[in-house]
Amino acid sequence: MAKKNNSDEVVQNSLREKIIAETEAFLASGKKIQEIPTGMSGQNAQTGSRHIRISTKKD
């Protein structure tokens, strides 16, 4: 297996630190992270799925 480039490691560590800082700020503001149990969907089944219409042209 090839060894990772040092610049890749620096980028990954930078992103990791940014995510940690943003998460800490989010939690410090009083907000909470909701954990969704395995097998559950985050979508509301009553509203159905959301489809994106790319064109307004009708067939």
N, C-alpha and C. Protein backbone atom coordinates (compact mmCIF):
# COMPACT_ATOMS: atom_id res chain seq x y z
N MET A 1 0.84 -1.18 0.00
CA MET A 1 0.00 0.00 0.00
C MET A 1 0.88 1.24 0.00
N ALA A 2 0.57 2.21 -0.83
CA ALA A 2 1.38 3.40 -0.96
C ALA A 2 1.20 4.30 0.26
N LYS A 3 2.29 4.96 0.63
CA LYS A 3 2.25 5.88 1.76
C LYS A 3 1.60 7.20 1.32
N LYS A 4 0.79 7.78 2.19
CA LYS A 4 0.10 9.02 1.85
C LYS A 4 1.09 10.17 1.76
N ASN A 5 0.78 11.10 0.90
CA ASN A 5 1.58 12.30 0.73
C ASN A 5 1.40 13.18 1.97
N ASN A 6 2.46 13.84 2.39
CA ASN A 6 2.38 14.72 3.57
C ASN A 6 1.36 15.83 3.38
N SER A 7 1.23 16.36 2.17
CA SER A 7 0.27 17.44 1.95
C SER A 7 -1.16 16.93 2.10
N ASP A 8 -1.41 15.67 1.74
CA ASP A 8 -2.73 15.07 1.94
C ASP A 8 -3.05 14.97 3.43
N GLU A 9 -2.05 14.58 4.21
CA GLU A 9 -2.24 14.47 5.66
C GLU A 9 -2.50 15.84 6.27
N VAL A 10 -1.81 16.85 5.79
CA VAL A 10 -2.00 18.21 6.29
C VAL A 10 -3.42 18.69 5.98
N VAL A 11 -3.89 18.43 4.78
CA VAL A 11 -5.24 18.83 4.39
C VAL A 11 -6.27 18.09 5.24
N GLN A 12 -6.09 16.78 5.41
CA GLN A 12 -7.02 16.00 6.23
C GLN A 12 -7.05 16.49 7.67
N ASN A 13 -5.89 16.77 8.24
CA ASN A 13 -5.83 17.27 9.62
C ASN A 13 -6.47 18.64 9.73
N SER A 14 -6.28 19.48 8.73
CA SER A 14 -6.89 20.80 8.73
C SER A 14 -8.41 20.70 8.69
N LEU A 15 -8.93 19.83 7.81
CA LEU A 15 -10.38 19.63 7.73
C LEU A 15 -10.93 19.04 9.02
N ARG A 16 -10.21 18.10 9.59
CA ARG A 16 -10.63 17.47 10.84
C ARG A 16 -10.73 18.52 11.95
N GLU A 17 -9.72 19.39 12.05
CA GLU A 17 -9.73 20.44 13.07
C GLU A 17 -10.87 21.43 12.84
N LYS A 18 -11.15 21.74 11.58
CA LYS A 18 -12.25 22.65 11.25
C LYS A 18 -13.60 22.05 11.66
N ILE A 19 -13.80 20.77 11.37
CA ILE A 19 -15.05 20.09 11.73
C ILE A 19 -15.21 20.06 13.25
N ILE A 20 -14.13 19.77 13.97
CA ILE A 20 -14.18 19.74 15.43
C ILE A 20 -14.54 21.11 15.98
N ALA A 21 -13.92 22.17 15.45
CA ALA A 21 -14.20 23.52 15.92
C ALA A 21 -15.64 23.92 15.63
N GLU A 22 -16.13 23.59 14.43
CA GLU A 22 -17.52 23.93 14.08
C GLU A 22 -18.52 23.15 14.95
N THR A 23 -18.21 21.89 15.24
CA THR A 23 -19.08 21.08 16.09
C THR A 23 -19.11 21.63 17.50
N GLU A 24 -17.95 22.00 18.03
CA GLU A 24 -17.89 22.57 19.37
C GLU A 24 -18.66 23.88 19.45
N ALA A 25 -18.54 24.73 18.41
CA ALA A 25 -19.28 25.99 18.38
C ALA A 25 -20.78 25.75 18.33
N PHE A 26 -21.20 24.76 17.55
CA PHE A 26 -22.61 24.40 17.43
C PHE A 26 -23.16 23.97 18.78
N LEU A 27 -22.44 23.09 19.46
CA LEU A 27 -22.88 22.60 20.76
C LEU A 27 -22.83 23.70 21.82
N ALA A 28 -21.82 24.57 21.74
CA ALA A 28 -21.69 25.66 22.71
C ALA A 28 -22.83 26.67 22.58
N SER A 29 -23.43 26.75 21.39
CA SER A 29 -24.54 27.69 21.18
C SER A 29 -25.84 27.15 21.78
N GLY A 30 -25.80 25.95 22.35
CA GLY A 30 -26.97 25.37 22.98
C GLY A 30 -27.75 24.42 22.11
N LYS A 31 -27.30 24.24 20.89
CA LYS A 31 -27.99 23.32 19.99
C LYS A 31 -27.56 21.90 20.28
N LYS A 32 -28.36 20.95 19.85
CA LYS A 32 -28.08 19.54 20.11
C LYS A 32 -27.99 18.77 18.79
N ILE A 33 -27.25 17.69 18.84
CA ILE A 33 -27.13 16.79 17.69
C ILE A 33 -28.10 15.64 17.92
N GLN A 34 -28.97 15.40 16.95
CA GLN A 34 -29.94 14.32 17.06
C GLN A 34 -29.39 13.09 16.37
N GLU A 35 -29.35 11.99 17.10
CA GLU A 35 -28.87 10.73 16.53
C GLU A 35 -30.06 9.93 16.01
N ILE A 36 -29.99 9.56 14.75
CA ILE A 36 -31.04 8.77 14.12
C ILE A 36 -30.65 7.30 14.24
N PRO A 37 -31.54 6.47 14.81
CA PRO A 37 -31.21 5.05 14.96
C PRO A 37 -30.97 4.37 13.61
N THR A 38 -30.13 3.36 13.61
CA THR A 38 -29.85 2.59 12.40
C THR A 38 -31.15 2.02 11.84
N GLY A 39 -31.32 2.15 10.55
CA GLY A 39 -32.51 1.62 9.89
C GLY A 39 -33.64 2.64 9.77
N MET A 40 -33.53 3.76 10.47
CA MET A 40 -34.55 4.81 10.40
C MET A 40 -34.17 5.81 9.31
N SER A 41 -35.16 6.47 8.76
CA SER A 41 -34.92 7.49 7.76
C SER A 41 -35.11 8.86 8.38
N GLY A 42 -34.34 9.81 7.92
CA GLY A 42 -34.49 11.18 8.39
C GLY A 42 -35.61 11.90 7.66
N GLN A 43 -36.19 11.28 6.65
CA GLN A 43 -37.26 11.90 5.89
C GLN A 43 -38.61 11.63 6.53
N ASN A 44 -39.52 12.58 6.39
CA ASN A 44 -40.87 12.43 6.90
C ASN A 44 -41.67 11.62 5.88
N ALA A 45 -42.14 10.44 6.27
CA ALA A 45 -42.85 9.55 5.35
C ALA A 45 -44.20 10.13 4.92
N GLN A 46 -44.77 11.04 5.70
CA GLN A 46 -46.08 11.59 5.37
C GLN A 46 -46.01 12.55 4.18
N THR A 47 -44.88 13.21 4.00
CA THR A 47 -44.77 14.15 2.89
C THR A 47 -44.21 13.51 1.64
N GLY A 48 -43.69 12.30 1.75
CA GLY A 48 -43.12 11.62 0.58
C GLY A 48 -41.77 12.17 0.22
N SER A 49 -41.20 11.64 -0.85
CA SER A 49 -39.89 12.11 -1.27
C SER A 49 -40.04 13.40 -2.07
N ARG A 50 -38.97 14.14 -2.10
CA ARG A 50 -38.97 15.41 -2.84
C ARG A 50 -38.22 15.21 -4.15
N HIS A 51 -38.89 15.50 -5.23
CA HIS A 51 -38.27 15.39 -6.54
C HIS A 51 -37.96 16.79 -7.05
N ILE A 52 -36.83 16.92 -7.70
CA ILE A 52 -36.42 18.20 -8.24
C ILE A 52 -36.84 18.26 -9.71
N ARG A 53 -37.56 19.31 -10.06
CA ARG A 53 -37.94 19.50 -11.46
C ARG A 53 -36.89 20.39 -12.09
N ILE A 54 -36.23 19.87 -13.10
CA ILE A 54 -35.16 20.60 -13.75
C ILE A 54 -35.71 21.52 -14.82
N SER A 55 -36.80 21.16 -15.43
CA SER A 55 -37.38 21.96 -16.50
C SER A 55 -38.85 22.20 -16.23
N THR A 56 -39.35 23.34 -16.69
CA THR A 56 -40.78 23.62 -16.54
C THR A 56 -41.53 23.20 -17.79
N LYS A 57 -40.82 22.67 -18.78
CA LYS A 57 -41.42 22.23 -20.02
C LYS A 57 -42.34 21.03 -19.76
N LYS A 58 -43.56 21.10 -20.24
CA LYS A 58 -44.51 20.00 -20.07
C LYS A 58 -44.54 19.16 -21.33
N ASP A 59 -44.71 17.86 -21.14
CA ASP A 59 -44.72 16.94 -22.28
C ASP A 59 -46.00 17.05 -23.06
